[in-house]
PDB file of all heavy atoms in Angstrom:
ATOM      1  N   ASN A   1      21.009   8.189  17.642  1.00  0.00           N
ATOM      2  CA  ASN A   1      22.419   8.048  17.520  1.00  0.00           C
ATOM      3  C   ASN A   1      23.138   9.368  17.017  1.00  0.00           C
ATOM      4  O   ASN A   1      24.309   9.531  17.208  1.00  0.00           O
ATOM      5  CB  ASN A   1      22.890   6.920  16.639  1.00  0.00           C
ATOM      6  CG  ASN A   1      22.399   5.628  17.240  1.00  0.00           C
ATOM      7  OD1 ASN A   1      22.129   5.494  18.393  1.00  0.00           O
ATOM      8  ND2 ASN A   1      22.295   4.604  16.326  1.00  0.00           N
ATOM      9  N   GLY A   2      22.347  10.183  16.365  1.00  0.00           N
ATOM     10  CA  GLY A   2      22.891  11.491  15.828  1.00  0.00           C
ATOM     11  C   GLY A   2      23.654  11.261  14.428  1.00  0.00           C
ATOM     12  O   GLY A   2      23.784  10.106  13.972  1.00  0.00           O
ATOM     13  N   GLY A   3      24.073  12.319  13.893  1.00  0.00           N
ATOM     14  CA  GLY A   3      24.726  12.240  12.573  1.00  0.00           C
ATOM     15  C   GLY A   3      23.987  12.983  11.505  1.00  0.00           C
ATOM     16  O   GLY A   3      22.842  13.392  11.706  1.00  0.00           O
ATOM     17  N   ARG A   4      24.580  13.117  10.317  1.00  0.00           N
ATOM     18  CA  ARG A   4      24.005  13.755   9.211  1.00  0.00           C
ATOM     19  C   ARG A   4      23.124  12.838   8.356  1.00  0.00           C
ATOM     20  O   ARG A   4      23.523  11.674   8.178  1.00  0.00           O
ATOM     21  CB  ARG A   4      25.044  14.413   8.313  1.00  0.00           C
ATOM     22  CG  ARG A   4      25.867  15.537   8.941  1.00  0.00           C
ATOM     23  CD  ARG A   4      26.667  16.253   7.818  1.00  0.00           C
ATOM     24  NE  ARG A   4      27.639  17.160   8.413  1.00  0.00           N
ATOM     25  CZ  ARG A   4      28.922  16.893   8.649  1.00  0.00           C
ATOM     26  NH1 ARG A   4      29.334  15.695   8.278  1.00  0.00           N
ATOM     27  NH2 ARG A   4      29.676  17.747   9.114  1.00  0.00           N
ATOM     28  N   VAL A   5      22.046  13.400   7.823  1.00  0.00           N
ATOM     29  CA  VAL A   5      21.225  12.694   6.887  1.00  0.00           C
ATOM     30  C   VAL A   5      21.228  13.476   5.578  1.00  0.00           C
ATOM     31  O   VAL A   5      20.870  14.674   5.601  1.00  0.00           O
ATOM     32  CB  VAL A   5      19.802  12.537   7.394  1.00  0.00           C
ATOM     33  CG1 VAL A   5      18.900  11.959   6.331  1.00  0.00           C
ATOM     34  CG2 VAL A   5      19.796  11.681   8.685  1.00  0.00           C
ATOM     35  N   VAL A   6      21.627  12.831   4.505  1.00  0.00           N
ATOM     36  CA  VAL A   6      21.538  13.476   3.179  1.00  0.00           C
ATOM     37  C   VAL A   6      20.088  13.227   2.547  1.00  0.00           C
ATOM     38  O   VAL A   6      19.686  12.026   2.545  1.00  0.00           O
ATOM     39  CB  VAL A   6      22.579  12.990   2.204  1.00  0.00           C
ATOM     40  CG1 VAL A   6      22.299  13.476   0.766  1.00  0.00           C
ATOM     41  CG2 VAL A   6      23.987  13.432   2.643  1.00  0.00           C
ATOM     42  N   ILE A   7      19.450  14.270   2.199  1.00  0.00           N
ATOM     43  CA  ILE A   7      18.116  14.128   1.522  1.00  0.00           C
ATOM     44  C   ILE A   7      18.328  14.526   0.123  1.00  0.00           C
ATOM     45  O   ILE A   7      18.635  15.706  -0.194  1.00  0.00           O
ATOM     46  CB  ILE A   7      17.090  15.055   2.231  1.00  0.00           C
ATOM     47  CG1 ILE A   7      17.015  14.656   3.727  1.00  0.00           C
ATOM     48  CG2 ILE A   7      15.754  14.840   1.524  1.00  0.00           C
ATOM     49  CD1 ILE A   7      16.260  15.685   4.535  1.00  0.00           C
ATOM     50  N   PHE A   8      18.198  13.557  -0.795  1.00  0.00           N
ATOM     51  CA  PHE A   8      18.396  13.808  -2.204  1.00  0.00           C
ATOM     52  C   PHE A   8      17.018  13.821  -2.905  1.00  0.00           C
ATOM     53  O   PHE A   8      16.365  12.811  -3.047  1.00  0.00           O
ATOM     54  CB  PHE A   8      19.293  12.704  -2.759  1.00  0.00           C
ATOM     55  CG  PHE A   8      19.696  12.944  -4.186  1.00  0.00           C
ATOM     56  CD1 PHE A   8      20.954  13.522  -4.512  1.00  0.00           C
ATOM     57  CD2 PHE A   8      18.882  12.604  -5.293  1.00  0.00           C
ATOM     58  CE1 PHE A   8      21.394  13.792  -5.774  1.00  0.00           C
ATOM     59  CE2 PHE A   8      19.295  12.866  -6.620  1.00  0.00           C
ATOM     60  CZ  PHE A   8      20.487  13.465  -6.849  1.00  0.00           C
ATOM     61  N   GLY A   9      16.609  14.995  -3.407  1.00  0.00           N
ATOM     62  CA  GLY A   9      15.351  15.141  -4.012  1.00  0.00           C
ATOM     63  C   GLY A   9      15.411  15.313  -5.517  1.00  0.00           C
ATOM     64  O   GLY A   9      16.489  15.049  -6.151  1.00  0.00           O
ATOM     65  N   ASP A  10      14.293  15.762  -6.136  1.00  0.00           N
ATOM     66  CA  ASP A  10      14.278  16.065  -7.521  1.00  0.00           C
ATOM     67  C   ASP A  10      14.160  17.557  -7.715  1.00  0.00           C
ATOM     68  O   ASP A  10      13.852  18.266  -6.781  1.00  0.00           O
ATOM     69  CB  ASP A  10      13.107  15.343  -8.174  1.00  0.00           C
ATOM     70  CG  ASP A  10      13.102  15.476  -9.703  1.00  0.00           C
ATOM     71  OD1 ASP A  10      14.199  15.561 -10.289  1.00  0.00           O
ATOM     72  OD2 ASP A  10      12.009  15.446 -10.318  1.00  0.00           O
ATOM     73  N   TYR A  11      14.391  18.027  -8.978  1.00  0.00           N
ATOM     74  CA  TYR A  11      14.401  19.452  -9.247  1.00  0.00           C
ATOM     75  C   TYR A  11      13.003  20.083  -9.497  1.00  0.00           C
ATOM     76  O   TYR A  11      12.898  21.282  -9.729  1.00  0.00           O
ATOM     77  CB  TYR A  11      15.309  19.810 -10.411  1.00  0.00           C
ATOM     78  CG  TYR A  11      15.239  18.851 -11.585  1.00  0.00           C
ATOM     79  CD1 TYR A  11      14.163  18.800 -12.370  1.00  0.00           C
ATOM     80  CD2 TYR A  11      16.362  18.064 -11.947  1.00  0.00           C
ATOM     81  CE1 TYR A  11      14.091  17.881 -13.442  1.00  0.00           C
ATOM     82  CE2 TYR A  11      16.300  17.168 -12.987  1.00  0.00           C
ATOM     83  CZ  TYR A  11      15.146  17.069 -13.755  1.00  0.00           C
ATOM     84  OH  TYR A  11      15.070  16.268 -14.772  1.00  0.00           O
ATOM     85  N   ASP A  12      11.967  19.255  -9.609  1.00  0.00           N
ATOM     86  CA  ASP A  12      10.642  19.769  -9.824  1.00  0.00           C
ATOM     87  C   ASP A  12       9.933  20.182  -8.539  1.00  0.00           C
ATOM     88  O   ASP A  12      10.465  19.934  -7.452  1.00  0.00           O
ATOM     89  CB  ASP A  12       9.790  18.919 -10.720  1.00  0.00           C
ATOM     90  CG  ASP A  12       9.381  17.599 -10.022  1.00  0.00           C
ATOM     91  OD1 ASP A  12       9.678  17.366  -8.805  1.00  0.00           O
ATOM     92  OD2 ASP A  12       8.748  16.786 -10.690  1.00  0.00           O
ATOM     93  N   VAL A  13       8.743  20.692  -8.619  1.00  0.00           N
ATOM     94  CA  VAL A  13       7.973  21.194  -7.410  1.00  0.00           C
ATOM     95  C   VAL A  13       7.748  20.056  -6.472  1.00  0.00           C
ATOM     96  O   VAL A  13       7.839  20.262  -5.214  1.00  0.00           O
ATOM     97  CB  VAL A  13       6.694  21.934  -7.873  1.00  0.00           C
ATOM     98  CG1 VAL A  13       6.017  22.378  -6.600  1.00  0.00           C
ATOM     99  CG2 VAL A  13       7.078  23.164  -8.678  1.00  0.00           C
ATOM    100  N   ASP A  14       7.312  18.860  -6.946  1.00  0.00           N
ATOM    101  CA  ASP A  14       7.118  17.724  -6.076  1.00  0.00           C
ATOM    102  C   ASP A  14       8.314  17.357  -5.307  1.00  0.00           C
ATOM    103  O   ASP A  14       8.337  17.223  -4.129  1.00  0.00           O
ATOM    104  CB  ASP A  14       6.559  16.538  -6.950  1.00  0.00           C
ATOM    105  CG  ASP A  14       6.187  15.367  -6.143  1.00  0.00           C
ATOM    106  OD1 ASP A  14       5.795  15.552  -4.887  1.00  0.00           O
ATOM    107  OD2 ASP A  14       6.166  14.237  -6.670  1.00  0.00           O
ATOM    108  N   GLY A  15       9.523  17.254  -6.024  1.00  0.00           N
ATOM    109  CA  GLY A  15      10.677  16.933  -5.362  1.00  0.00           C
ATOM    110  C   GLY A  15      11.213  18.003  -4.382  1.00  0.00           C
ATOM    111  O   GLY A  15      11.710  17.675  -3.265  1.00  0.00           O
ATOM    112  N   LEU A  16      11.025  19.230  -4.753  1.00  0.00           N
ATOM    113  CA  LEU A  16      11.485  20.327  -3.885  1.00  0.00           C
ATOM    114  C   LEU A  16      10.641  20.442  -2.666  1.00  0.00           C
ATOM    115  O   LEU A  16      11.205  20.609  -1.506  1.00  0.00           O
ATOM    116  CB  LEU A  16      11.405  21.668  -4.657  1.00  0.00           C
ATOM    117  CG  LEU A  16      12.375  21.828  -5.799  1.00  0.00           C
ATOM    118  CD1 LEU A  16      11.946  23.011  -6.696  1.00  0.00           C
ATOM    119  CD2 LEU A  16      13.822  21.966  -5.284  1.00  0.00           C
ATOM    120  N   THR A  17       9.321  20.290  -2.743  1.00  0.00           N
ATOM    121  CA  THR A  17       8.447  20.324  -1.575  1.00  0.00           C
ATOM    122  C   THR A  17       8.673  19.176  -0.650  1.00  0.00           C
ATOM    123  O   THR A  17       8.675  19.205   0.566  1.00  0.00           O
ATOM    124  CB  THR A  17       6.954  20.487  -1.974  1.00  0.00           C
ATOM    125  OG1 THR A  17       6.610  19.454  -2.881  1.00  0.00           O
ATOM    126  CG2 THR A  17       6.693  21.847  -2.512  1.00  0.00           C
ATOM    127  N   ALA A  18       8.846  17.966  -1.306  1.00  0.00           N
ATOM    128  CA  ALA A  18       9.152  16.731  -0.507  1.00  0.00           C
ATOM    129  C   ALA A  18      10.465  16.825   0.210  1.00  0.00           C
ATOM    130  O   ALA A  18      10.601  16.481   1.393  1.00  0.00           O
ATOM    131  CB  ALA A  18       9.156  15.537  -1.389  1.00  0.00           C
ATOM    132  N   THR A  19      11.487  17.375  -0.428  1.00  0.00           N
ATOM    133  CA  THR A  19      12.799  17.628   0.194  1.00  0.00           C
ATOM    134  C   THR A  19      12.684  18.586   1.390  1.00  0.00           C
ATOM    135  O   THR A  19      13.229  18.368   2.483  1.00  0.00           O
ATOM    136  CB  THR A  19      13.806  18.112  -0.798  1.00  0.00           C
ATOM    137  OG1 THR A  19      13.909  17.170  -1.875  1.00  0.00           O
ATOM    138  CG2 THR A  19      15.157  18.374  -0.157  1.00  0.00           C
ATOM    139  N   THR A  20      11.950  19.673   1.191  1.00  0.00           N
ATOM    140  CA  THR A  20      11.747  20.600   2.191  1.00  0.00           C
ATOM    141  C   THR A  20      11.005  20.003   3.443  1.00  0.00           C
ATOM    142  O   THR A  20      11.428  20.225   4.592  1.00  0.00           O
ATOM    143  CB  THR A  20      10.926  21.847   1.676  1.00  0.00           C
ATOM    144  OG1 THR A  20      11.623  22.388   0.585  1.00  0.00           O
ATOM    145  CG2 THR A  20      10.721  22.890   2.761  1.00  0.00           C
ATOM    146  N   LEU A  21       9.986  19.205   3.155  1.00  0.00           N
ATOM    147  CA  LEU A  21       9.245  18.549   4.208  1.00  0.00           C
ATOM    148  C   LEU A  21      10.209  17.685   5.038  1.00  0.00           C
ATOM    149  O   LEU A  21      10.170  17.747   6.321  1.00  0.00           O
ATOM    150  CB  LEU A  21       8.114  17.716   3.682  1.00  0.00           C
ATOM    151  CG  LEU A  21       7.090  17.139   4.644  1.00  0.00           C
ATOM    152  CD1 LEU A  21       5.793  16.821   3.912  1.00  0.00           C
ATOM    153  CD2 LEU A  21       7.500  15.909   5.259  1.00  0.00           C
ATOM    154  N   LEU A  22      11.042  16.945   4.403  1.00  0.00           N
ATOM    155  CA  LEU A  22      11.925  16.005   5.068  1.00  0.00           C
ATOM    156  C   LEU A  22      12.992  16.714   5.831  1.00  0.00           C
ATOM    157  O   LEU A  22      13.383  16.317   7.006  1.00  0.00           O
ATOM    158  CB  LEU A  22      12.566  14.969   4.098  1.00  0.00           C
ATOM    159  CG  LEU A  22      11.598  14.015   3.476  1.00  0.00           C
ATOM    160  CD1 LEU A  22      12.213  13.183   2.407  1.00  0.00           C
ATOM    161  CD2 LEU A  22      11.005  13.052   4.539  1.00  0.00           C
ATOM    162  N   VAL A  23      13.436  17.805   5.327  1.00  0.00           N
ATOM    163  CA  VAL A  23      14.432  18.709   6.088  1.00  0.00           C
ATOM    164  C   VAL A  23      13.816  19.143   7.396  1.00  0.00           C
ATOM    165  O   VAL A  23      14.445  19.045   8.506  1.00  0.00           O
ATOM    166  CB  VAL A  23      14.845  19.869   5.247  1.00  0.00           C
ATOM    167  CG1 VAL A  23      15.611  20.946   6.130  1.00  0.00           C
ATOM    168  CG2 VAL A  23      15.785  19.436   4.126  1.00  0.00           C
ATOM    169  N   HIS A  24      12.576  19.564   7.355  1.00  0.00           N
ATOM    170  CA  HIS A  24      11.889  20.014   8.639  1.00  0.00           C
ATOM    171  C   HIS A  24      11.636  18.878   9.502  1.00  0.00           C
ATOM    172  O   HIS A  24      11.757  19.026  10.753  1.00  0.00           O
ATOM    173  CB  HIS A  24      10.599  20.732   8.266  1.00  0.00           C
ATOM    174  CG  HIS A  24      10.783  22.095   7.711  1.00  0.00           C
ATOM    175  ND1 HIS A  24      11.410  23.108   8.412  1.00  0.00           N
ATOM    176  CD2 HIS A  24      10.366  22.626   6.468  1.00  0.00           C
ATOM    177  CE1 HIS A  24      11.460  24.249   7.634  1.00  0.00           C
ATOM    178  NE2 HIS A  24      10.868  23.886   6.507  1.00  0.00           N
ATOM    179  N   LEU A  25      11.286  17.696   8.939  1.00  0.00           N
ATOM    180  CA  LEU A  25      11.048  16.566   9.785  1.00  0.00           C
ATOM    181  C   LEU A  25      12.345  16.190  10.613  1.00  0.00           C
ATOM    182  O   LEU A  25      12.249  16.022  11.817  1.00  0.00           O
ATOM    183  CB  LEU A  25      10.616  15.377   8.906  1.00  0.00           C
ATOM    184  CG  LEU A  25      10.324  14.044   9.548  1.00  0.00           C
ATOM    185  CD1 LEU A  25       9.269  13.260   8.798  1.00  0.00           C
ATOM    186  CD2 LEU A  25      11.533  13.102   9.772  1.00  0.00           C
ATOM    187  N   PHE A  26      13.481  16.122   9.877  1.00  0.00           N
ATOM    188  CA  PHE A  26      14.678  15.689  10.609  1.00  0.00           C
ATOM    189  C   PHE A  26      15.145  16.818  11.559  1.00  0.00           C
ATOM    190  O   PHE A  26      15.616  16.477  12.654  1.00  0.00           O
ATOM    191  CB  PHE A  26      15.768  15.365   9.610  1.00  0.00           C
ATOM    192  CG  PHE A  26      15.630  13.998   8.999  1.00  0.00           C
ATOM    193  CD1 PHE A  26      15.168  13.784   7.707  1.00  0.00           C
ATOM    194  CD2 PHE A  26      15.961  12.847   9.728  1.00  0.00           C
ATOM    195  CE1 PHE A  26      15.037  12.564   7.142  1.00  0.00           C
ATOM    196  CE2 PHE A  26      15.819  11.610   9.250  1.00  0.00           C
ATOM    197  CZ  PHE A  26      15.336  11.416   7.915  1.00  0.00           C
ATOM    198  N   ARG A  27      14.960  18.009  11.167  1.00  0.00           N
ATOM    199  CA  ARG A  27      15.307  19.099  12.166  1.00  0.00           C
ATOM    200  C   ARG A  27      14.473  18.996  13.431  1.00  0.00           C
ATOM    201  O   ARG A  27      14.999  19.233  14.494  1.00  0.00           O
ATOM    202  CB  ARG A  27      15.109  20.438  11.500  1.00  0.00           C
ATOM    203  CG  ARG A  27      16.232  20.855  10.539  1.00  0.00           C
ATOM    204  CD  ARG A  27      15.981  22.187   9.830  1.00  0.00           C
ATOM    205  NE  ARG A  27      17.076  22.582   8.961  1.00  0.00           N
ATOM    206  CZ  ARG A  27      16.947  23.615   8.117  1.00  0.00           C
ATOM    207  NH1 ARG A  27      15.851  24.313   8.012  1.00  0.00           N
ATOM    208  NH2 ARG A  27      18.001  23.898   7.278  1.00  0.00           N
ATOM    209  N   SER A  28      13.228  18.684  13.234  1.00  0.00           N
ATOM    210  CA  SER A  28      12.345  18.559  14.399  1.00  0.00           C
ATOM    211  C   SER A  28      12.774  17.368  15.330  1.00  0.00           C
ATOM    212  O   SER A  28      12.476  17.337  16.529  1.00  0.00           O
ATOM    213  CB  SER A  28      10.913  18.271  13.947  1.00  0.00           C
ATOM    214  OG  SER A  28      10.359  19.407  13.206  1.00  0.00           O
ATOM    215  N   LEU A  29      13.500  16.409  14.734  1.00  0.00           N
ATOM    216  CA  LEU A  29      14.044  15.315  15.516  1.00  0.00           C
ATOM    217  C   LEU A  29      15.437  15.518  16.018  1.00  0.00           C
ATOM    218  O   LEU A  29      15.989  14.622  16.692  1.00  0.00           O
ATOM    219  CB  LEU A  29      14.046  13.973  14.654  1.00  0.00           C
ATOM    220  CG  LEU A  29      12.618  13.505  14.237  1.00  0.00           C
ATOM    221  CD1 LEU A  29      12.786  12.357  13.196  1.00  0.00           C
ATOM    222  CD2 LEU A  29      11.854  12.980  15.402  1.00  0.00           C
ATOM    223  N   GLY A  30      15.998  16.762  15.782  1.00  0.00           N
ATOM    224  CA  GLY A  30      17.336  17.059  16.298  1.00  0.00           C
ATOM    225  C   GLY A  30      18.392  16.493  15.431  1.00  0.00           C
ATOM    226  O   GLY A  30      19.576  16.393  15.851  1.00  0.00           O
ATOM    227  N   VAL A  31      18.089  16.151  14.183  1.00  0.00           N
ATOM    228  CA  VAL A  31      19.071  15.544  13.258  1.00  0.00           C
ATOM    229  C   VAL A  31      19.485  16.614  12.233  1.00  0.00           C
ATOM    230  O   VAL A  31      18.590  17.307  11.702  1.00  0.00           O
ATOM    231  CB  VAL A  31      18.452  14.279  12.604  1.00  0.00           C
ATOM    232  CG1 VAL A  31      19.445  13.693  11.575  1.00  0.00           C
ATOM    233  CG2 VAL A  31      18.111  13.189  13.583  1.00  0.00           C
ATOM    234  N   GLU A  32      20.750  16.609  11.841  1.00  0.00           N
ATOM    235  CA  GLU A  32      21.252  17.562  10.824  1.00  0.00           C
ATOM    236  C   GLU A  32      20.976  17.050   9.409  1.00  0.00           C
ATOM    237  O   GLU A  32      21.541  16.050   9.002  1.00  0.00           O
ATOM    238  CB  GLU A  32      22.698  17.799  11.006  1.00  0.00           C
ATOM    239  CG  GLU A  32      23.327  18.801  10.035  1.00  0.00           C
ATOM    240  CD  GLU A  32      24.803  18.957  10.052  1.00  0.00           C
ATOM    241  OE1 GLU A  32      25.403  18.308  10.992  1.00  0.00           O
ATOM    242  OE2 GLU A  32      25.390  19.538   9.247  1.00  0.00           O
ATOM    243  N   PRO A  33      20.058  17.759   8.710  1.00  0.00           N
ATOM    244  CA  PRO A  33      19.816  17.273   7.288  1.00  0.00           C
ATOM    245  C   PRO A  33      20.759  18.032   6.344  1.00  0.00           C
ATOM    246  O   PRO A  33      21.031  19.160   6.517  1.00  0.00           O
ATOM    247  CB  PRO A  33      18.376  17.648   7.057  1.00  0.00           C
ATOM    248  CG  PRO A  33      18.178  18.860   7.977  1.00  0.00           C
ATOM    249  CD  PRO A  33      19.098  18.743   9.063  1.00  0.00           C
ATOM    250  N   VAL A  34      21.149  17.360   5.261  1.00  0.00           N
ATOM    251  CA  VAL A  34      21.916  17.982   4.146  1.00  0.00           C
ATOM    252  C   VAL A  34      21.045  17.800   2.863  1.00  0.00           C
ATOM    253  O   VAL A  34      21.071  16.703   2.263  1.00  0.00           O
ATOM    254  CB  VAL A  34      23.305  17.313   3.990  1.00  0.00           C
ATOM    255  CG1 VAL A  34      24.006  17.978   2.894  1.00  0.00           C
ATOM    256  CG2 VAL A  34      24.100  17.426   5.278  1.00  0.00           C
ATOM    257  N   PRO A  35      20.288  18.743   2.487  1.00  0.00           N
ATOM    258  CA  PRO A  35      19.475  18.610   1.288  1.00  0.00           C
ATOM    259  C   PRO A  35      20.352  18.803  -0.024  1.00  0.00           C
ATOM    260  O   PRO A  35      21.249  19.626  -0.108  1.00  0.00           O
ATOM    261  CB  PRO A  35      18.481  19.810   1.382  1.00  0.00           C
ATOM    262  CG  PRO A  35      19.138  20.835   2.186  1.00  0.00           C
ATOM    263  CD  PRO A  35      20.084  20.096   3.132  1.00  0.00           C
ATOM    264  N   MET A  36      19.982  17.914  -0.981  1.00  0.00           N
ATOM    265  CA  MET A  36      20.691  18.046  -2.294  1.00  0.00           C
ATOM    266  C   MET A  36      19.617  17.865  -3.350  1.00  0.00           C
ATOM    267  O   MET A  36      18.690  17.002  -3.251  1.00  0.00           O
ATOM    268  CB  MET A  36      21.754  16.914  -2.480  1.00  0.00           C
ATOM    269  CG  MET A  36      22.895  16.990  -1.493  1.00  0.00           C
ATOM    270  SD  MET A  36      24.001  15.560  -1.622  1.00  0.00           S
ATOM    271  CE  MET A  36      24.593  15.778  -3.260  1.00  0.00           C
ATOM    272  N   VAL A  37      19.786  18.595  -4.440  1.00  0.00           N
ATOM    273  CA  VAL A  37      18.893  18.389  -5.607  1.00  0.00           C
ATOM    274  C   VAL A  37      19.787  18.479  -6.867  1.00  0.00           C
ATOM    275  O   VAL A  37      20.724  19.309  -6.890  1.00  0.00           O
ATOM    276  CB  VAL A  37      17.718  19.411  -5.765  1.00  0.00           C
ATOM    277  CG1 VAL A  37      16.716  19.167  -4.689  1.00  0.00           C
ATOM    278  CG2 VAL A  37      18.291  20.853  -5.718  1.00  0.00           C
ATOM    279  N   PRO A  38      19.567  17.640  -7.891  1.00  0.00           N
ATOM    280  CA  PRO A  38      20.386  17.642  -9.085  1.00  0.00           C
ATOM    281  C   PRO A  38      20.110  18.879  -9.967  1.00  0.00           C
ATOM    282  O   PRO A  38      19.024  19.368  -9.950  1.00  0.00           O
ATOM    283  CB  PRO A  38      20.023  16.277  -9.742  1.00  0.00           C
ATOM    284  CG  PRO A  38      18.605  16.058  -9.387  1.00  0.00           C
ATOM    285  CD  PRO A  38      18.530  16.599  -7.978  1.00  0.00           C
ATOM    286  N   HIS A  39      21.018  19.165 -10.797  1.00  0.00           N
ATOM    287  CA  HIS A  39      20.810  20.197 -11.884  1.00  0.00           C
ATOM    288  C   HIS A  39      20.165  19.552 -13.045  1.00  0.00           C
ATOM    289  O   HIS A  39      20.654  18.467 -13.512  1.00  0.00           O
ATOM    290  CB  HIS A  39      22.189  20.843 -12.196  1.00  0.00           C
ATOM    291  CG  HIS A  39      22.054  22.069 -13.034  1.00  0.00           C
ATOM    292  ND1 HIS A  39      21.868  21.983 -14.415  1.00  0.00           N
ATOM    293  CD2 HIS A  39      22.157  23.333 -12.681  1.00  0.00           C
ATOM    294  CE1 HIS A  39      21.746  23.252 -14.864  1.00  0.00           C
ATOM    295  NE2 HIS A  39      21.927  24.101 -13.847  1.00  0.00           N
ATOM    296  N   ARG A  40      19.109  20.176 -13.521  1.00  0.00           N
ATOM    297  CA  ARG A  40      18.363  19.559 -14.634  1.00  0.00           C
ATOM    298  C   ARG A  40      19.212  19.193 -15.878  1.00  0.00           C
ATOM    299  O   ARG A  40      19.118  18.124 -16.421  1.00  0.00           O
ATOM    300  CB  ARG A  40      17.241  20.470 -15.119  1.00  0.00           C
ATOM    301  CG  ARG A  40      16.394  19.939 -16.231  1.00  0.00           C
ATOM    302  CD  ARG A  40      15.387  20.955 -16.623  1.00  0.00           C
ATOM    303  NE  ARG A  40      14.249  21.116 -15.650  1.00  0.00           N
ATOM    304  CZ  ARG A  40      13.175  20.410 -15.662  1.00  0.00           C
ATOM    305  NH1 ARG A  40      12.926  19.555 -16.649  1.00  0.00           N
ATOM    306  NH2 ARG A  40      12.177  20.631 -14.815  1.00  0.00           N
ATOM    307  N   LEU A  41      20.136  20.126 -16.257  1.00  0.00           N
ATOM    308  CA  LEU A  41      20.875  19.975 -17.454  1.00  0.00           C
ATOM    309  C   LEU A  41      22.197  19.221 -17.238  1.00  0.00           C
ATOM    310  O   LEU A  41      22.557  18.338 -17.979  1.00  0.00           O
ATOM    311  CB  LEU A  41      21.241  21.329 -18.145  1.00  0.00           C
ATOM    312  CG  LEU A  41      19.942  22.121 -18.553  1.00  0.00           C
ATOM    313  CD1 LEU A  41      20.342  23.393 -19.277  1.00  0.00           C
ATOM    314  CD2 LEU A  41      19.024  21.298 -19.488  1.00  0.00           C
ATOM    315  N   ARG A  42      22.917  19.522 -16.127  1.00  0.00           N
ATOM    316  CA  ARG A  42      24.209  18.988 -15.840  1.00  0.00           C
ATOM    317  C   ARG A  42      24.054  17.548 -15.385  1.00  0.00           C
ATOM    318  O   ARG A  42      24.854  16.643 -15.763  1.00  0.00           O
ATOM    319  CB  ARG A  42      25.014  19.794 -14.883  1.00  0.00           C
ATOM    320  CG  ARG A  42      25.472  21.105 -15.468  1.00  0.00           C
ATOM    321  CD  ARG A  42      26.534  21.705 -14.526  1.00  0.00           C
ATOM    322  NE  ARG A  42      26.122  21.961 -13.157  1.00  0.00           N
ATOM    323  CZ  ARG A  42      25.553  23.094 -12.721  1.00  0.00           C
ATOM    324  NH1 ARG A  42      25.442  24.103 -13.590  1.00  0.00           N
ATOM    325  NH2 ARG A  42      25.192  23.273 -11.512  1.00  0.00           N
TER     326      ARG A  42
END
């Protein structure tokens, strides 16, 4: 159907690599990903 997908990960290495993997997965499917990670302190 198309549309944007927000991928919300964590700020550590596990969360960052998982977010990156999912961004590539959705791009490979022709879907626009919007990655987001929270700020540790804020």
